[in-house]
Amino acid sequence: MLKWLTLDIVKAQLRIDALNTSEDELLKFYAESAEDTVLRVINRSYDDLVMQYGKVPTPVIHASLMLADVSYQFRSPVSPQNMSIVPYTFDILIKPFVKL
């Protein structure tokens, strides 16, 4: 279940027409995985973010969109022949929210 991303915002990020539903389930999967990954990286829960900031901070949402985008664009695992990494921007976005 998506916590802060919506299918519409993921489609907008990926420049997919909102009326195109052919990959909706895959997009939801990538979005949910992105949200869960960001929460693990920053060592927080959804409720913790909302309690401290009143909502999910925009940089956390942005980082989640970036992960969903990378998952969609590069569907294969990283290998020496196929190097795909999440941009450094991701680290900059979530660093302030990491709970030590």
Protein backbone atom coordinates (compact mmCIF):
# COMPACT_ATOMS: atom_id res chain seq x y z
CA MET A 1 0.00 0.00 0.00
CA LEU A 2 1.37 3.40 -0.97
CA LYS A 3 1.99 5.77 1.92
CA TRP A 4 2.75 9.12 0.26
CA LEU A 5 3.26 8.54 -3.44
CA THR A 6 0.27 8.27 -5.72
CA LEU A 7 0.01 6.57 -9.06
CA ASP A 8 -0.71 9.94 -10.67
CA ILE A 9 2.47 11.58 -9.34
CA VAL A 10 4.58 8.56 -10.33
CA LYS A 11 3.13 8.68 -13.85
CA ALA A 12 3.83 12.40 -14.04
CA GLN A 13 7.44 11.80 -12.95
CA LEU A 14 7.84 9.15 -15.65
CA ARG A 15 5.93 11.18 -18.26
CA ILE A 16 3.36 8.42 -18.71
CA ASP A 17 -0.10 9.50 -19.83
CA ALA A 18 -2.52 9.24 -16.89
CA LEU A 19 -4.98 7.37 -19.12
CA ASN A 20 -2.42 4.67 -19.92
CA THR A 21 -3.13 1.94 -17.38
CA SER A 22 -1.09 -0.86 -18.98
CA GLU A 23 1.66 -0.74 -16.33
CA ASP A 24 -0.23 0.52 -13.29
CA GLU A 25 0.48 -2.55 -11.17
CA LEU A 26 4.19 -2.42 -11.97
CA LEU A 27 4.31 1.32 -11.20
CA LYS A 28 2.59 0.74 -7.85
CA PHE A 29 5.10 -1.99 -7.08
CA TYR A 30 8.07 0.29 -7.85
CA ALA A 31 6.54 3.17 -5.87
CA GLU A 32 5.86 1.04 -2.80
CA SER A 33 9.35 -0.43 -2.98
CA ALA A 34 10.80 3.10 -3.25
CA GLU A 35 8.89 4.33 -0.20
CA ASP A 36 9.96 1.30 1.86
CA THR A 37 13.58 1.70 0.77
CA VAL A 38 13.68 5.37 1.73
CA LEU A 39 12.22 4.58 5.15
CA ARG A 40 14.88 1.90 5.70
CA VAL A 41 17.71 4.20 4.57
CA ILE A 42 16.64 7.01 6.89
CA ASN A 43 15.85 4.55 9.70
CA ARG A 44 12.39 5.97 10.30
CA SER A 45 8.78 4.93 10.08
CA TYR A 46 6.05 6.74 8.19
CA ASP A 47 4.40 7.68 11.50
CA ASP A 48 7.70 9.02 12.84
CA LEU A 49 8.08 11.36 9.85
CA VAL A 50 4.53 12.63 10.13
CA MET A 51 4.82 13.09 13.89
CA GLN A 52 8.04 15.10 13.62
CA TYR A 53 7.30 17.14 10.46
CA GLY A 54 3.51 17.14 10.29
CA LYS A 55 3.71 15.42 6.90
CA VAL A 56 6.19 13.51 4.79
CA PRO A 57 8.85 16.10 3.88
CA THR A 58 9.05 17.06 0.23
CA PRO A 59 12.69 15.90 -0.15
CA VAL A 60 11.67 12.42 1.07
CA ILE A 61 8.88 12.36 -1.51
CA HIS A 62 11.32 13.55 -4.17
CA ALA A 63 13.85 10.84 -3.27
CA SER A 64 11.09 8.22 -3.45
CA LEU A 65 10.11 9.42 -6.92
CA MET A 66 13.74 9.20 -8.02
CA LEU A 67 13.97 5.59 -6.85
CA ALA A 68 10.72 4.65 -8.57
CA ASP A 69 11.99 6.33 -11.74
CA VAL A 70 15.31 4.47 -11.66
CA SER A 71 13.51 1.16 -11.06
CA TYR A 72 11.22 1.78 -14.02
CA GLN A 73 13.91 3.03 -16.42
CA PHE A 74 16.53 0.42 -15.48
CA ARG A 75 14.65 -2.81 -14.86
CA SER A 76 17.74 -5.02 -14.80
CA PRO A 77 20.15 -5.47 -11.91
CA VAL A 78 23.38 -3.52 -11.93
CA SER A 79 26.35 -5.38 -13.39
CA PRO A 80 29.78 -4.33 -14.66
CA GLN A 81 28.30 -4.17 -18.17
CA ASN A 82 25.17 -2.30 -17.06
CA MET A 83 26.08 0.31 -14.48
CA SER A 84 23.02 2.16 -13.17
CA ILE A 85 23.17 3.93 -9.84
CA VAL A 86 20.83 6.26 -8.07
CA PRO A 87 22.12 9.82 -8.51
CA TYR A 88 23.96 11.54 -5.64
CA THR A 89 20.96 13.87 -5.42
CA PHE A 90 19.13 11.03 -3.64
CA ASP A 91 21.67 11.11 -0.79
CA ILE A 92 21.45 14.87 -0.48
CA LEU A 93 17.65 14.77 -0.32
CA ILE A 94 17.36 12.20 2.45
CA LYS A 95 20.46 12.94 4.56
CA PRO A 96 18.75 15.51 6.80
CA PHE A 97 16.07 12.97 7.74
CA VAL A 98 18.35 10.09 8.73
CA LYS A 99 17.75 9.07 12.31
CA LEU A 100 20.94 7.98 14.00
